[in-house]
Amino acid sequence: MDTSLRRTWAEIDLDALAHNYHQARKAIGPNVKYMGIVKADAYGHGAIQVSEELVRLGADYLAVSSLDEAQELRTHGVKVPVLILGYTPPEMTSQLIQYDITQAVSSESTAEKYSAAAVAVGGVLKIHIKVDTGMSRLGFLVRGDHFSESVESIFHTCELPGLEAEGIFTHFAVSDEDDADSEVYTREQFDVFTKTIDTLKARGKTFAIRHCANSGALARYPEMYLDMVRPGIALYGAGADVERLDLKPVMTFKTSISTVRELDEGTDISYGRTFRTPQKTRVGVLPVGYADGLMRGLSNKLKFQTPWGAAPLLGRICMDMCIVDLSQFPQMQEGNEIEIFGQKQHVNVVAEILNTIPYELLCAVSKRVPRLYMKNNEVIGRVLRILT
């Protein structure tokens, strides 16, 4: 594995992760639980390593998207509660119970299947009720005319045998937006959520954990923290609230120069001949391409970061490599490091070039890119997922 580390790699700064965790802890105080979102391999950072660090820091809960992701944590010794935010087929209920996994439940019909399966194996499945207050994806639909019927359905779900309804939650659609309309919509979602909780409480049903505050709400709506917050992108030092929460980027995506060449004036570069050198041009070939997570849409747009300044990407990004203009940096040689995004160029900036969100870029860094785990600027671990 060591032979691949100087090709293209991602440095994961666990000190930055700890900083971002503590920033959230300072905001929420000692009486609110912290759920770390580690789905999608912890947004590309490595679910096992990030989860282990979060447990060490004091996280109360973790959240993933699927049973496979939850089992991965359990088989690597992660013992804190884990919530599956997405769907798990009811026939997998015995595994949910076996691995002590909490399952989100979005409908009474699915809950009935979980209940029957849990009773059949003589176990109890811990669940969190998902309430749809305006995201319009999953959950008991409680907006408008659906309210009374859905509250009744939630109540019946909580009474089913074999199920322990520990929590109830919803997901905000625009809590990270600062315009007035988004604030109104977020507050409407919260009002519907709390109305649902209060109505169920009046019928004698309460929940140990009520949660709705994602990264956007963490930064803007402290009254919505309730019993637990769920930072996702904020944990990784990206997204809309980097400055507001004083966050640090956790991932730095790097590559190195494999070859240096001098091209004549009028030389076409890469597929499609989308760039032609206007004069004699010193270029470097970088061993990174869209198969590593360097999006092809960045062709002719991105500027790589060198120790001496920004260097333009020339031509189209290939599957495994691309070309950088080194004309202004004669000191750059084969083997020198180049940053794609991270400490010098924030992933938010690169996402803006593509008119997308940083989540997509972080998750896109592929499994063939080694992750180097850093503390105090030293490598403490290396993982290459292509070997696992």
Protein backbone atom coordinates (compact mmCIF):
# COMPACT_ATOMS: atom_id res chain seq x y z
CA MET A 1 0.00 0.00 0.00
CA ASP A 2 2.86 2.43 0.70
CA THR A 3 3.73 2.54 -2.99
CA SER A 4 0.41 4.23 -3.77
CA LEU A 5 0.54 6.92 -1.11
CA ARG A 6 2.49 9.41 -3.18
CA ARG A 7 0.21 9.05 -6.19
CA THR A 8 -3.02 10.59 -5.00
CA TRP A 9 -4.27 10.55 -1.42
CA ALA A 10 -6.58 12.18 1.13
CA GLU A 11 -5.30 13.42 4.46
CA ILE A 12 -7.90 13.16 7.23
CA ASP A 13 -7.10 15.58 10.05
CA LEU A 14 -8.48 14.07 13.25
CA ASP A 15 -7.49 17.20 15.17
CA ALA A 16 -9.80 19.20 12.87
CA LEU A 17 -12.53 16.63 13.44
CA ALA A 18 -12.12 17.05 17.20
CA HIS A 19 -12.20 20.83 16.84
CA ASN A 20 -15.47 20.69 14.90
CA TYR A 21 -16.97 18.29 17.43
CA HIS A 22 -16.05 20.57 20.32
CA GLN A 23 -17.45 23.61 18.50
CA ALA A 24 -20.82 21.87 18.39
CA ARG A 25 -20.53 20.73 21.99
CA LYS A 26 -19.88 24.31 23.12
CA ALA A 27 -23.02 25.42 21.30
CA ILE A 28 -25.38 22.72 22.56
CA GLY A 29 -24.21 22.50 26.17
CA PRO A 30 -23.87 19.46 28.43
CA ASN A 31 -27.50 18.35 28.47
CA VAL A 32 -28.03 17.78 24.74
CA LYS A 33 -26.87 14.56 23.12
CA TYR A 34 -24.62 14.52 20.07
CA MET A 35 -25.28 12.22 17.12
CA GLY A 36 -22.45 12.01 14.60
CA ILE A 37 -23.55 11.35 11.03
CA VAL A 38 -21.16 8.78 9.56
CA LYS A 39 -23.18 7.48 6.61
CA ALA A 40 -21.57 7.20 3.17
CA ASP A 41 -18.28 6.14 4.78
CA ALA A 42 -18.42 9.27 6.95
CA TYR A 43 -18.85 11.47 3.87
CA GLY A 44 -15.78 9.84 2.35
CA HIS A 45 -13.58 10.29 5.43
CA GLY A 46 -13.72 6.68 6.65
CA ALA A 47 -16.63 5.57 8.83
CA ILE A 48 -14.65 3.29 11.11
CA GLN A 49 -11.87 5.74 11.88
CA VAL A 50 -14.22 8.72 12.26
CA SER A 51 -16.61 6.74 14.46
CA GLU A 52 -13.82 5.54 16.71
CA GLU A 53 -12.63 9.12 17.11
CA LEU A 54 -16.15 10.40 17.80
CA VAL A 55 -16.65 7.75 20.48
CA ARG A 56 -13.35 8.77 22.05
CA LEU A 57 -14.49 12.40 22.01
CA GLY A 58 -17.77 11.54 23.70
CA ALA A 59 -20.43 11.25 20.99
CA ASP A 60 -23.65 9.72 22.29
CA TYR A 61 -25.04 8.28 19.07
CA LEU A 62 -24.01 7.61 15.47
CA ALA A 63 -26.17 7.51 12.35
CA VAL A 64 -25.79 5.62 9.09
CA SER A 65 -27.93 5.01 6.03
CA SER A 66 -28.15 1.23 5.81
CA LEU A 67 -27.78 -2.03 7.67
CA ASP A 68 -24.51 -2.76 5.87
CA GLU A 69 -23.04 0.50 7.16
CA ALA A 70 -24.26 -0.25 10.68
CA GLN A 71 -22.86 -3.79 10.63
CA GLU A 72 -19.49 -2.45 9.50
CA LEU A 73 -19.29 -0.32 12.64
CA ARG A 74 -20.36 -3.14 14.92
CA THR A 75 -17.91 -5.66 13.44
CA HIS A 76 -15.11 -3.17 14.06
CA GLY A 77 -15.99 -2.80 17.73
CA VAL A 78 -18.05 0.41 17.73
CA LYS A 79 -20.48 -0.07 20.61
CA VAL A 80 -22.38 3.24 20.98
CA PRO A 81 -26.00 3.37 19.76
CA VAL A 82 -26.34 3.49 15.96
CA LEU A 83 -29.43 4.71 14.12
CA ILE A 84 -30.19 3.64 10.55
CA LEU A 85 -31.76 6.69 8.89
CA GLY A 86 -32.80 4.83 5.76
CA TYR A 87 -34.89 1.77 4.95
CA THR A 88 -34.09 -1.76 6.09
CA PRO A 89 -36.15 -4.66 4.69
CA PRO A 90 -38.25 -6.17 7.51
CA GLU A 91 -36.77 -9.61 6.79
CA MET A 92 -33.51 -8.21 8.19
CA THR A 93 -35.10 -7.46 11.58
CA SER A 94 -33.29 -10.31 13.31
CA GLN A 95 -29.96 -8.80 12.24
CA LEU A 96 -31.02 -5.37 13.52
CA ILE A 97 -31.72 -6.96 16.89
CA GLN A 98 -28.60 -9.12 16.82
CA TYR A 99 -26.34 -6.13 16.21
CA ASP A 100 -28.30 -3.85 18.58
CA ILE A 101 -29.13 -1.34 15.85
CA THR A 102 -31.83 1.31 16.09
CA GLN A 103 -34.09 1.55 13.04
CA ALA A 104 -35.95 4.58 11.70
CA VAL A 105 -39.61 3.80 11.03
CA SER A 106 -41.54 5.85 8.50
CA SER A 107 -44.92 4.11 8.24
CA GLU A 108 -47.27 1.97 10.30
CA SER A 109 -47.35 -0.76 7.66
CA THR A 110 -43.57 -1.19 7.77
CA ALA A 111 -43.62 -1.03 11.56
CA GLU A 112 -46.12 -3.89 11.66
CA LYS A 113 -43.70 -6.03 9.65
CA TYR A 114 -40.82 -5.15 11.95
CA SER A 115 -43.04 -5.98 14.92
CA ALA A 116 -44.05 -9.39 13.57
CA ALA A 117 -40.43 -10.24 12.76
CA ALA A 118 -39.20 -9.13 16.18
CA VAL A 119 -41.87 -11.16 17.97
CA ALA A 120 -41.02 -14.18 15.81
CA VAL A 121 -37.41 -14.18 17.04
CA GLY A 122 -38.32 -13.25 20.59
CA GLY A 123 -36.50 -9.95 20.52
CA VAL A 124 -37.14 -6.21 20.81
CA LEU A 125 -36.23 -3.75 18.05
CA LYS A 126 -35.41 -0.22 19.13
CA ILE A 127 -36.93 2.34 16.75
CA HIS A 128 -37.06 6.09 16.11
CA ILE A 129 -40.24 7.41 14.53
CA LYS A 130 -39.55 9.48 11.40
CA VAL A 131 -42.00 12.36 10.95
CA ASP A 132 -42.33 14.10 7.57
CA THR A 133 -42.86 17.78 8.33
CA GLY A 134 -41.96 19.11 4.91
CA MET A 135 -39.02 17.25 3.38
CA SER A 136 -41.46 15.01 1.49
CA ARG A 137 -39.21 11.95 1.44
CA LEU A 138 -39.76 9.49 4.27
CA GLY A 139 -41.87 9.67 7.38
CA PHE A 140 -45.37 9.84 8.78
CA LEU A 141 -46.90 12.75 6.86
CA VAL A 142 -48.18 15.18 9.50
CA ARG A 143 -48.67 18.39 7.52
CA GLY A 144 -52.11 19.83 6.86
CA ASP A 145 -55.06 17.47 6.66
CA HIS A 146 -52.84 14.44 7.31
CA PHE A 147 -52.09 15.43 10.90
CA SER A 148 -54.77 13.61 12.90
CA GLU A 149 -54.59 10.41 10.90
CA SER A 150 -50.80 10.27 11.03
CA VAL A 151 -50.62 11.00 14.77
CA GLU A 152 -53.05 8.14 15.33
CA SER A 153 -50.87 5.93 13.16
CA ILE A 154 -47.75 6.91 15.11
CA PHE A 155 -49.50 6.11 18.37
CA HIS A 156 -50.50 2.66 17.14
CA THR A 157 -46.96 2.05 15.88
CA CYS A 158 -45.54 2.81 19.30
CA GLU A 159 -47.92 0.27 20.85
CA LEU A 160 -46.86 -2.62 18.63
CA PRO A 161 -45.24 -5.60 20.38
CA GLY A 162 -41.58 -6.23 19.84
CA LEU A 163 -40.83 -2.55 19.24
CA GLU A 164 -39.31 0.01 21.62
CA ALA A 165 -40.03 3.54 20.41
CA GLU A 166 -37.02 5.32 21.91
CA GLY A 167 -37.03 8.41 19.71
CA ILE A 168 -38.86 10.62 17.28
CA PHE A 169 -37.28 12.88 14.65
CA THR A 170 -37.76 14.95 11.54
CA HIS A 171 -35.49 16.43 8.89
CA PHE A 172 -35.33 20.09 7.86
CA ALA A 173 -35.31 21.00 4.17
CA VAL A 174 -33.82 24.52 4.25
CA SER A 175 -32.43 25.12 7.73
CA ASP A 176 -29.07 26.05 6.21
CA GLU A 177 -30.55 28.85 4.10
CA ASP A 178 -30.55 32.42 5.45
CA ASP A 179 -33.40 33.99 3.49
CA ALA A 180 -36.65 34.92 5.22
CA ASP A 181 -38.78 32.37 3.37
CA SER A 182 -36.48 29.52 4.40
CA GLU A 183 -36.62 30.62 8.02
CA VAL A 184 -40.41 30.68 7.91
CA TYR A 185 -40.48 27.19 6.37
CA THR A 186 -38.04 25.79 8.95
CA ARG A 187 -40.04 27.23 11.81
CA GLU A 188 -43.22 25.79 10.30
CA GLN A 189 -41.56 22.38 10.17
CA PHE A 190 -40.48 22.70 13.79
CA ASP A 191 -43.95 23.80 14.89
CA VAL A 192 -45.56 20.80 13.19
CA PHE A 193 -42.97 18.51 14.75
CA THR A 194 -43.51 19.83 18.28
CA LYS A 195 -47.28 19.78 17.79
CA THR A 196 -46.99 16.11 16.89
CA ILE A 197 -44.92 15.41 20.00
CA ASP A 198 -47.28 17.38 22.25
CA THR A 199 -50.36 15.61 20.85
CA LEU A 200 -48.80 12.22 21.46
CA LYS A 201 -47.74 13.28 24.95
CA ALA A 202 -51.34 14.22 25.74
CA ARG A 203 -52.23 10.63 24.92
CA GLY A 204 -49.55 9.32 27.23
CA LYS A 205 -46.82 8.63 24.68
CA THR A 206 -43.45 10.31 25.25
CA PHE A 207 -39.99 9.74 23.77
CA ALA A 208 -36.60 9.64 25.43
CA ILE A 209 -34.92 11.33 22.45
CA ARG A 210 -36.48 14.04 20.26
CA HIS A 211 -34.20 15.31 17.51
CA CYS A 212 -34.40 17.54 14.45
CA ALA A 213 -31.36 19.86 14.45
CA ASN A 214 -29.05 19.13 11.54
CA SER A 215 -25.97 21.23 10.70
CA GLY A 216 -28.06 24.19 9.53
CA ALA A 217 -30.21 24.23 12.63
CA LEU A 218 -27.15 23.79 14.83
CA ALA A 219 -25.86 27.10 13.48
CA ARG A 220 -29.14 29.02 13.48
CA TYR A 221 -31.85 27.64 15.77
CA PRO A 222 -30.69 26.74 19.31
CA GLU A 223 -34.30 26.44 20.43
CA MET A 224 -34.56 23.40 18.13
CA TYR A 225 -31.76 21.39 19.76
CA LEU A 226 -34.27 19.47 21.94
CA ASP A 227 -32.65 16.23 23.23
CA MET A 228 -30.07 15.63 20.51
CA VAL A 229 -28.44 17.36 17.52
CA ARG A 230 -27.29 15.66 14.30
CA PRO A 231 -24.34 17.50 12.72
CA GLY A 232 -23.44 16.07 9.33
CA ILE A 233 -21.49 18.29 6.96
CA ALA A 234 -20.52 20.62 9.83
CA LEU A 235 -18.67 17.76 11.49
CA TYR A 236 -16.39 17.57 8.46
CA GLY A 237 -15.73 21.32 8.32
CA ALA A 238 -17.65 22.05 5.14
CA GLY A 239 -20.98 23.49 4.08
CA ALA A 240 -22.67 26.82 4.57
CA ASP A 241 -21.63 27.46 8.17
CA VAL A 242 -17.86 27.03 8.19
CA GLU A 243 -17.25 30.62 9.29
CA ARG A 244 -20.32 30.92 11.50
CA LEU A 245 -19.29 27.89 13.55
CA ASP A 246 -15.51 28.40 13.14
CA LEU A 247 -15.00 24.98 11.55
CA LYS A 248 -11.87 23.42 10.07
CA PRO A 249 -11.74 21.22 6.95
CA VAL A 250 -11.07 17.61 7.88
CA MET A 251 -10.15 16.25 4.44
CA THR A 252 -7.35 17.54 2.24
CA PHE A 253 -7.34 15.89 -1.20
CA LYS A 254 -3.82 15.79 -2.68
CA THR A 255 -1.88 14.46 -5.63
CA SER A 256 1.71 14.72 -6.91
CA ILE A 257 3.45 15.56 -10.14
CA SER A 258 4.36 12.40 -12.03
CA THR A 259 5.89 13.98 -15.14
CA VAL A 260 7.06 17.47 -16.15
CA ARG A 261 7.08 18.39 -19.85
CA GLU A 262 7.54 21.49 -21.99
CA LEU A 263 4.98 21.78 -24.79
CA ASP A 264 5.34 23.90 -27.89
CA GLU A 265 3.04 26.78 -28.73
CA GLY A 266 -0.15 25.53 -30.38
CA THR A 267 -0.13 22.10 -28.74
CA ASP A 268 -3.56 20.57 -28.11
CA ILE A 269 -4.08 19.05 -24.67
CA SER A 270 -6.14 15.99 -23.65
CA TYR A 271 -9.38 14.52 -25.00
CA GLY A 272 -11.49 16.75 -27.17
CA ARG A 273 -8.63 19.22 -27.73
CA THR A 274 -10.41 21.78 -25.52
CA PHE A 275 -7.18 23.61 -24.64
CA ARG A 276 -4.36 24.74 -26.94
CA THR A 277 -1.17 26.23 -25.55
CA PRO A 278 -0.90 29.93 -26.46
CA GLN A 279 2.88 29.80 -26.12
CA LYS A 280 5.59 27.40 -25.02
CA THR A 281 4.15 25.96 -21.82
CA ARG A 282 5.69 23.98 -18.97
CA VAL A 283 3.14 21.43 -17.74
CA GLY A 284 2.89 18.68 -15.18
CA VAL A 285 0.98 15.43 -15.53
CA LEU A 286 -0.95 14.61 -12.36
CA PRO A 287 -1.95 11.01 -11.53
CA VAL A 288 -5.50 11.94 -10.54
CA GLY A 289 -8.70 11.78 -12.57
CA TYR A 290 -12.42 11.35 -12.35
CA ALA A 291 -12.00 7.73 -11.20
CA ASP A 292 -10.35 9.18 -8.08
CA GLY A 293 -13.10 11.74 -7.53
CA LEU A 294 -11.76 14.71 -9.48
CA MET A 295 -14.97 15.67 -11.25
CA ARG A 296 -14.71 15.97 -15.04
CA GLY A 297 -16.81 19.15 -14.87
CA LEU A 298 -13.77 20.91 -13.38
CA SER A 299 -11.91 20.60 -16.69
CA ASN A 300 -10.36 23.95 -17.72
CA LYS A 301 -11.88 25.56 -14.60
CA LEU A 302 -10.06 24.34 -11.49
CA LYS A 303 -6.87 25.84 -10.12
CA PHE A 304 -4.65 23.48 -8.15
CA GLN A 305 -2.82 24.79 -5.11
CA THR A 306 0.97 24.63 -4.96
CA PRO A 307 3.26 25.93 -2.19
CA TRP A 308 3.88 29.00 -4.39
CA GLY A 309 0.38 29.74 -5.69
CA ALA A 310 -2.49 28.56 -7.87
CA ALA A 311 -1.81 26.56 -11.04
CA PRO A 312 -4.54 26.15 -13.69
CA LEU A 313 -5.83 22.78 -14.83
CA LEU A 314 -5.45 22.51 -18.64
CA GLY A 315 -7.81 20.54 -20.85
CA ARG A 316 -10.18 17.77 -19.95
CA ILE A 317 -9.78 15.59 -16.88
CA CYS A 318 -9.15 11.96 -17.86
CA MET A 319 -10.11 8.86 -15.90
CA ASP A 320 -6.71 8.54 -14.21
CA MET A 321 -4.82 11.76 -14.86
CA CYS A 322 -4.95 15.42 -15.82
CA ILE A 323 -2.56 18.23 -16.73
CA VAL A 324 -1.56 21.32 -14.78
CA ASP A 325 0.15 24.52 -16.02
CA LEU A 326 3.47 24.95 -14.22
CA SER A 327 4.73 27.84 -16.34
CA GLN A 328 4.74 30.24 -13.39
CA PHE A 329 6.40 27.77 -11.04
CA PRO A 330 9.80 26.60 -12.36
CA GLN A 331 10.58 25.29 -8.89
CA MET A 332 7.82 22.66 -9.14
CA GLN A 333 9.31 19.28 -10.05
CA GLU A 334 8.32 15.64 -10.33
CA GLY A 335 7.20 14.30 -6.97
CA ASN A 336 6.06 17.68 -5.60
CA GLU A 337 2.67 17.77 -3.85
CA ILE A 338 -0.38 19.53 -5.29
CA GLU A 339 -3.56 20.23 -3.32
CA ILE A 340 -6.93 19.75 -5.01
CA PHE A 341 -9.01 20.95 -2.06
CA GLY A 342 -8.62 21.16 1.69
CA GLN A 343 -6.41 23.47 3.73
CA LYS A 344 -5.44 25.99 1.03
CA GLN A 345 -8.53 25.77 -1.20
CA HIS A 346 -11.71 24.91 0.66
CA VAL A 347 -13.94 22.20 -0.78
CA ASN A 348 -16.78 24.76 -0.72
CA VAL A 349 -14.88 26.80 -3.32
CA VAL A 350 -14.48 23.82 -5.64
CA ALA A 351 -18.16 22.92 -5.19
CA GLU A 352 -19.13 26.44 -6.30
CA ILE A 353 -17.24 25.95 -9.57
CA LEU A 354 -19.42 22.94 -10.28
CA ASN A 355 -22.61 24.55 -8.97
CA THR A 356 -22.99 21.68 -6.54
CA ILE A 357 -22.59 21.04 -2.81
CA PRO A 358 -19.41 20.00 -0.95
CA TYR A 359 -21.08 16.77 0.20
CA GLU A 360 -20.88 15.47 -3.37
CA LEU A 361 -17.17 16.17 -3.73
CA LEU A 362 -16.24 14.64 -0.37
CA CYS A 363 -18.26 11.50 -1.04
CA ALA A 364 -16.84 11.24 -4.57
CA VAL A 365 -13.24 10.67 -3.43
CA SER A 366 -13.02 7.03 -4.45
CA LYS A 367 -11.97 3.94 -2.53
CA ARG A 368 -8.74 3.67 -4.54
CA VAL A 369 -7.55 6.91 -2.93
CA PRO A 370 -5.66 6.05 0.30
CA ARG A 371 -6.76 7.88 3.45
CA LEU A 372 -3.96 9.05 5.72
CA TYR A 373 -5.14 9.76 9.27
CA MET A 374 -3.32 12.66 10.88
CA LYS A 375 -2.81 13.92 14.44
CA ASN A 376 -0.41 16.70 15.34
CA ASN A 377 0.55 16.82 11.65
CA GLU A 378 1.83 13.25 11.76
CA VAL A 379 0.40 10.19 10.04
CA ILE A 380 -1.03 7.77 12.62
CA GLY A 381 -2.82 5.43 10.23
CA ARG A 382 -3.29 4.54 6.57
CA VAL A 383 -6.30 2.88 4.96
CA LEU A 384 -6.77 1.84 1.35
CA ARG A 385 -10.38 0.71 0.95
CA ILE A 386 -9.72 -0.97 -2.39
CA LEU A 387 -7.92 -3.72 -0.43
CA THR A 388 -10.78 -4.32 2.03
